[in-house]
C-alpha cells in the first residue's frame, strides 16, 4: 500500500492510498467522472506516508502525516481518498 498525489492539470488534488499507481489513477477517474477532461492531463506522483499536511481546526494549523490521517478514517479500504490538498 502506497500513497499517491493525483491531480488534473494541477486542480482537484487528492492523496489516494492504493496498491499501485494504476489503481490510484483508476480510483481518481471514478471519483471525478463528471468532470473528466483529458487523461493525459492527470498527474500521479508517489508521496511518502510520513509527509506532513497542514490541517486547520478552528483557525489553528495542525500538522499530521498522511499515515496518521489515513489511520483516523473509519474505513481502511484500499483504494481510498486520504485527503484533498490544495
N, C-alpha and C. Protein backbone atom coordinates (compact mmCIF):
# COMPACT_ATOMS: atom_id res chain seq x y z
N UNK A 1 0.85 -1.16 0.00
CA UNK A 1 0.00 0.00 0.00
C UNK A 1 0.90 1.23 0.00
N UNK A 2 0.60 2.16 -0.93
CA UNK A 2 1.39 3.38 -1.07
C UNK A 2 0.45 4.56 -1.19
N UNK A 3 1.02 5.75 -1.06
CA UNK A 3 0.24 6.99 -1.14
C UNK A 3 0.61 7.70 -2.44
N UNK A 4 -0.42 8.18 -3.15
CA UNK A 4 -0.22 8.85 -4.43
C UNK A 4 -0.97 10.17 -4.45
N UNK A 5 -0.29 11.23 -4.89
CA UNK A 5 -0.94 12.51 -5.09
C UNK A 5 -1.37 12.54 -6.55
N UNK A 6 -2.67 12.69 -6.77
CA UNK A 6 -3.23 12.66 -8.11
C UNK A 6 -3.93 13.99 -8.36
N UNK A 7 -3.66 14.60 -9.52
CA UNK A 7 -4.29 15.88 -9.84
C UNK A 7 -4.60 15.96 -11.33
N UNK A 8 -5.54 16.80 -11.67
CA UNK A 8 -5.96 17.02 -13.04
C UNK A 8 -5.50 18.41 -13.44
N UNK A 9 -4.36 18.50 -14.14
CA UNK A 9 -3.76 19.77 -14.56
C UNK A 9 -3.53 20.71 -13.39
N UNK A 10 -3.16 20.16 -12.25
CA UNK A 10 -2.89 20.97 -11.07
C UNK A 10 -4.11 21.31 -10.24
N UNK A 11 -5.29 20.88 -10.67
CA UNK A 11 -6.52 21.13 -9.93
C UNK A 11 -7.06 19.83 -9.37
N UNK A 12 -7.96 19.93 -8.39
CA UNK A 12 -8.61 18.78 -7.79
C UNK A 12 -7.59 17.76 -7.29
N UNK A 13 -6.65 18.24 -6.47
CA UNK A 13 -5.58 17.39 -5.93
C UNK A 13 -6.11 16.50 -4.82
N UNK A 14 -5.80 15.23 -4.91
CA UNK A 14 -6.20 14.27 -3.88
C UNK A 14 -5.02 13.37 -3.58
N UNK A 15 -4.90 12.96 -2.33
CA UNK A 15 -3.94 11.92 -1.97
C UNK A 15 -4.75 10.65 -1.79
N UNK A 16 -4.38 9.64 -2.55
CA UNK A 16 -5.11 8.37 -2.57
C UNK A 16 -4.18 7.25 -2.11
N UNK A 17 -4.66 6.42 -1.21
CA UNK A 17 -3.91 5.24 -0.82
C UNK A 17 -4.34 4.11 -1.75
N UNK A 18 -3.35 3.43 -2.34
CA UNK A 18 -3.66 2.37 -3.32
C UNK A 18 -2.49 1.39 -3.36
N UNK A 19 -2.73 0.28 -4.03
CA UNK A 19 -1.69 -0.73 -4.18
C UNK A 19 -0.71 -0.42 -5.31
N UNK A 20 -1.15 0.41 -6.27
CA UNK A 20 -0.29 0.77 -7.38
C UNK A 20 -0.71 2.12 -7.95
N UNK A 21 0.16 2.68 -8.77
CA UNK A 21 -0.12 3.95 -9.44
C UNK A 21 -1.37 3.82 -10.32
N UNK A 22 -1.52 2.71 -10.98
CA UNK A 22 -2.65 2.50 -11.88
C UNK A 22 -3.97 2.38 -11.11
N UNK A 23 -3.92 1.74 -9.96
CA UNK A 23 -5.12 1.63 -9.12
C UNK A 23 -5.52 3.02 -8.62
N UNK A 24 -4.56 3.83 -8.22
CA UNK A 24 -4.84 5.20 -7.77
C UNK A 24 -5.44 6.02 -8.90
N UNK A 25 -4.89 5.90 -10.10
CA UNK A 25 -5.41 6.63 -11.26
C UNK A 25 -6.84 6.20 -11.57
N UNK A 26 -7.12 4.91 -11.57
CA UNK A 26 -8.46 4.42 -11.85
C UNK A 26 -9.47 4.89 -10.82
N UNK A 27 -9.08 4.87 -9.55
CA UNK A 27 -9.97 5.33 -8.49
C UNK A 27 -10.25 6.81 -8.64
N UNK A 28 -9.21 7.58 -8.96
CA UNK A 28 -9.36 9.02 -9.17
C UNK A 28 -10.33 9.30 -10.33
N UNK A 29 -10.19 8.56 -11.41
CA UNK A 29 -11.07 8.74 -12.57
C UNK A 29 -12.53 8.44 -12.22
N UNK A 30 -12.77 7.44 -11.36
CA UNK A 30 -14.13 7.15 -10.93
C UNK A 30 -14.67 8.26 -10.04
N UNK A 31 -13.80 8.89 -9.24
CA UNK A 31 -14.22 9.97 -8.35
C UNK A 31 -14.62 11.23 -9.11
N UNK A 32 -13.96 11.51 -10.25
CA UNK A 32 -14.22 12.77 -10.96
C UNK A 32 -14.87 12.53 -12.32
N UNK A 33 -15.57 11.44 -12.51
CA UNK A 33 -16.06 11.06 -13.84
C UNK A 33 -16.91 12.13 -14.51
N UNK A 34 -17.61 12.97 -13.76
CA UNK A 34 -18.43 14.00 -14.40
C UNK A 34 -17.62 15.23 -14.78
N UNK A 35 -16.37 15.33 -14.32
CA UNK A 35 -15.52 16.48 -14.62
C UNK A 35 -14.35 16.08 -15.51
N UNK A 36 -14.41 14.92 -16.10
CA UNK A 36 -13.27 14.37 -16.83
C UNK A 36 -12.86 15.23 -18.00
N UNK A 37 -11.59 15.54 -18.05
CA UNK A 37 -11.01 16.24 -19.19
C UNK A 37 -10.23 15.23 -19.99
N UNK A 38 -8.96 15.50 -20.21
CA UNK A 38 -8.10 14.58 -20.92
C UNK A 38 -7.28 13.77 -19.92
N UNK A 39 -7.21 12.48 -20.12
CA UNK A 39 -6.47 11.62 -19.21
C UNK A 39 -4.98 12.00 -19.21
N UNK A 40 -4.48 12.52 -20.34
CA UNK A 40 -3.08 12.94 -20.41
C UNK A 40 -2.76 14.07 -19.45
N UNK A 41 -3.78 14.82 -19.01
CA UNK A 41 -3.57 15.95 -18.10
C UNK A 41 -3.51 15.53 -16.64
N UNK A 42 -3.71 14.26 -16.35
CA UNK A 42 -3.73 13.78 -14.97
C UNK A 42 -2.32 13.36 -14.56
N UNK A 43 -1.87 13.90 -13.45
CA UNK A 43 -0.54 13.59 -12.90
C UNK A 43 -0.69 12.68 -11.69
N UNK A 44 0.16 11.66 -11.61
CA UNK A 44 0.18 10.75 -10.48
C UNK A 44 1.61 10.70 -9.95
N UNK A 45 1.79 11.10 -8.69
CA UNK A 45 3.11 11.08 -8.07
C UNK A 45 3.04 10.35 -6.73
N UNK A 46 3.97 9.46 -6.50
CA UNK A 46 4.04 8.76 -5.22
C UNK A 46 4.57 9.73 -4.16
N UNK A 47 3.94 9.72 -2.99
CA UNK A 47 4.38 10.57 -1.88
C UNK A 47 4.66 9.69 -0.67
N UNK A 48 5.51 10.18 0.20
CA UNK A 48 5.89 9.45 1.40
C UNK A 48 4.76 9.47 2.42
N UNK A 49 4.53 8.36 3.08
CA UNK A 49 3.48 8.26 4.10
C UNK A 49 3.73 9.20 5.26
N UNK A 50 4.99 9.59 5.47
CA UNK A 50 5.34 10.47 6.57
C UNK A 50 5.31 11.96 6.19
N UNK A 51 4.85 12.25 4.96
CA UNK A 51 4.72 13.65 4.55
C UNK A 51 3.66 14.33 5.41
N UNK A 52 3.99 15.51 5.93
CA UNK A 52 3.10 16.23 6.83
C UNK A 52 2.20 17.16 6.02
N UNK A 53 0.92 17.19 6.41
CA UNK A 53 -0.09 18.02 5.76
C UNK A 53 -0.68 18.95 6.80
N UNK A 54 -0.88 20.21 6.42
CA UNK A 54 -1.48 21.17 7.35
C UNK A 54 -2.98 21.00 7.36
N UNK A 55 -3.52 20.81 8.55
CA UNK A 55 -4.96 20.69 8.74
C UNK A 55 -5.36 21.80 9.69
N UNK A 56 -6.41 22.53 9.37
CA UNK A 56 -6.81 23.65 10.21
C UNK A 56 -8.05 23.29 10.99
N UNK A 57 -7.94 23.33 12.30
CA UNK A 57 -9.09 23.15 13.18
C UNK A 57 -9.29 24.45 13.93
N UNK A 58 -10.44 25.04 13.80
CA UNK A 58 -10.81 26.29 14.46
C UNK A 58 -9.74 27.37 14.29
N UNK A 59 -9.17 27.44 13.10
CA UNK A 59 -8.24 28.51 12.79
C UNK A 59 -6.79 28.27 13.16
N UNK A 60 -6.49 27.22 13.91
CA UNK A 60 -5.11 26.93 14.29
C UNK A 60 -4.59 25.78 13.44
N UNK A 61 -3.46 25.99 12.79
CA UNK A 61 -2.94 24.90 11.94
C UNK A 61 -2.40 23.75 12.78
N UNK A 62 -2.74 22.57 12.36
CA UNK A 62 -2.24 21.34 12.97
C UNK A 62 -1.64 20.52 11.83
N UNK A 63 -0.51 19.91 12.07
CA UNK A 63 0.15 19.12 11.04
C UNK A 63 0.08 17.64 11.41
N UNK A 64 -0.31 16.83 10.42
CA UNK A 64 -0.37 15.38 10.60
C UNK A 64 0.25 14.72 9.38
N UNK A 65 0.76 13.52 9.57
CA UNK A 65 1.30 12.78 8.44
C UNK A 65 0.14 12.14 7.67
N UNK A 66 0.39 11.78 6.43
CA UNK A 66 -0.64 11.12 5.63
C UNK A 66 -1.06 9.81 6.28
N UNK A 67 -0.10 9.10 6.84
CA UNK A 67 -0.40 7.83 7.51
C UNK A 67 -1.31 8.05 8.73
N UNK A 68 -1.07 9.09 9.51
CA UNK A 68 -1.92 9.40 10.67
C UNK A 68 -3.34 9.73 10.23
N UNK A 69 -3.47 10.51 9.16
CA UNK A 69 -4.80 10.87 8.66
C UNK A 69 -5.54 9.63 8.20
N UNK A 70 -4.85 8.74 7.48
CA UNK A 70 -5.47 7.51 6.99
C UNK A 70 -5.90 6.62 8.15
N UNK A 71 -5.09 6.51 9.19
CA UNK A 71 -5.42 5.68 10.34
C UNK A 71 -6.63 6.20 11.11
N UNK A 72 -6.91 7.50 11.02
CA UNK A 72 -8.06 8.09 11.71
C UNK A 72 -9.38 7.88 10.96
N UNK A 73 -9.30 7.43 9.72
CA UNK A 73 -10.51 7.18 8.93
C UNK A 73 -11.30 6.02 9.53
N UNK A 74 -12.61 6.05 9.33
CA UNK A 74 -13.45 4.96 9.82
C UNK A 74 -13.25 3.69 9.01
N UNK A 75 -12.96 3.86 7.74
CA UNK A 75 -12.78 2.72 6.86
C UNK A 75 -11.36 2.72 6.31
N UNK A 76 -10.69 1.59 6.34
CA UNK A 76 -9.33 1.48 5.83
C UNK A 76 -9.31 0.75 4.50
N UNK A 77 -10.29 1.04 3.67
CA UNK A 77 -10.36 0.41 2.36
C UNK A 77 -9.20 0.89 1.49
N UNK A 78 -8.82 0.06 0.55
CA UNK A 78 -7.81 0.41 -0.44
C UNK A 78 -8.39 0.07 -1.79
N UNK A 79 -8.45 0.97 -2.74
CA UNK A 79 -8.02 2.36 -2.71
C UNK A 79 -9.03 3.25 -1.97
N UNK A 80 -8.52 4.40 -1.53
CA UNK A 80 -9.35 5.31 -0.75
C UNK A 80 -8.71 6.70 -0.77
N UNK A 81 -9.53 7.74 -0.81
CA UNK A 81 -9.02 9.11 -0.73
C UNK A 81 -8.65 9.38 0.71
N UNK A 82 -7.40 9.75 0.93
CA UNK A 82 -6.92 10.07 2.28
C UNK A 82 -7.26 11.52 2.61
N UNK A 83 -6.93 12.42 1.69
CA UNK A 83 -7.15 13.84 1.93
C UNK A 83 -7.13 14.58 0.59
N UNK A 84 -7.88 15.67 0.53
CA UNK A 84 -7.81 16.58 -0.62
C UNK A 84 -6.86 17.70 -0.24
N UNK A 85 -5.94 18.02 -1.13
CA UNK A 85 -4.94 19.04 -0.84
C UNK A 85 -5.03 20.17 -1.85
N UNK A 86 -4.52 21.32 -1.44
CA UNK A 86 -4.53 22.48 -2.32
C UNK A 86 -3.28 22.54 -3.14
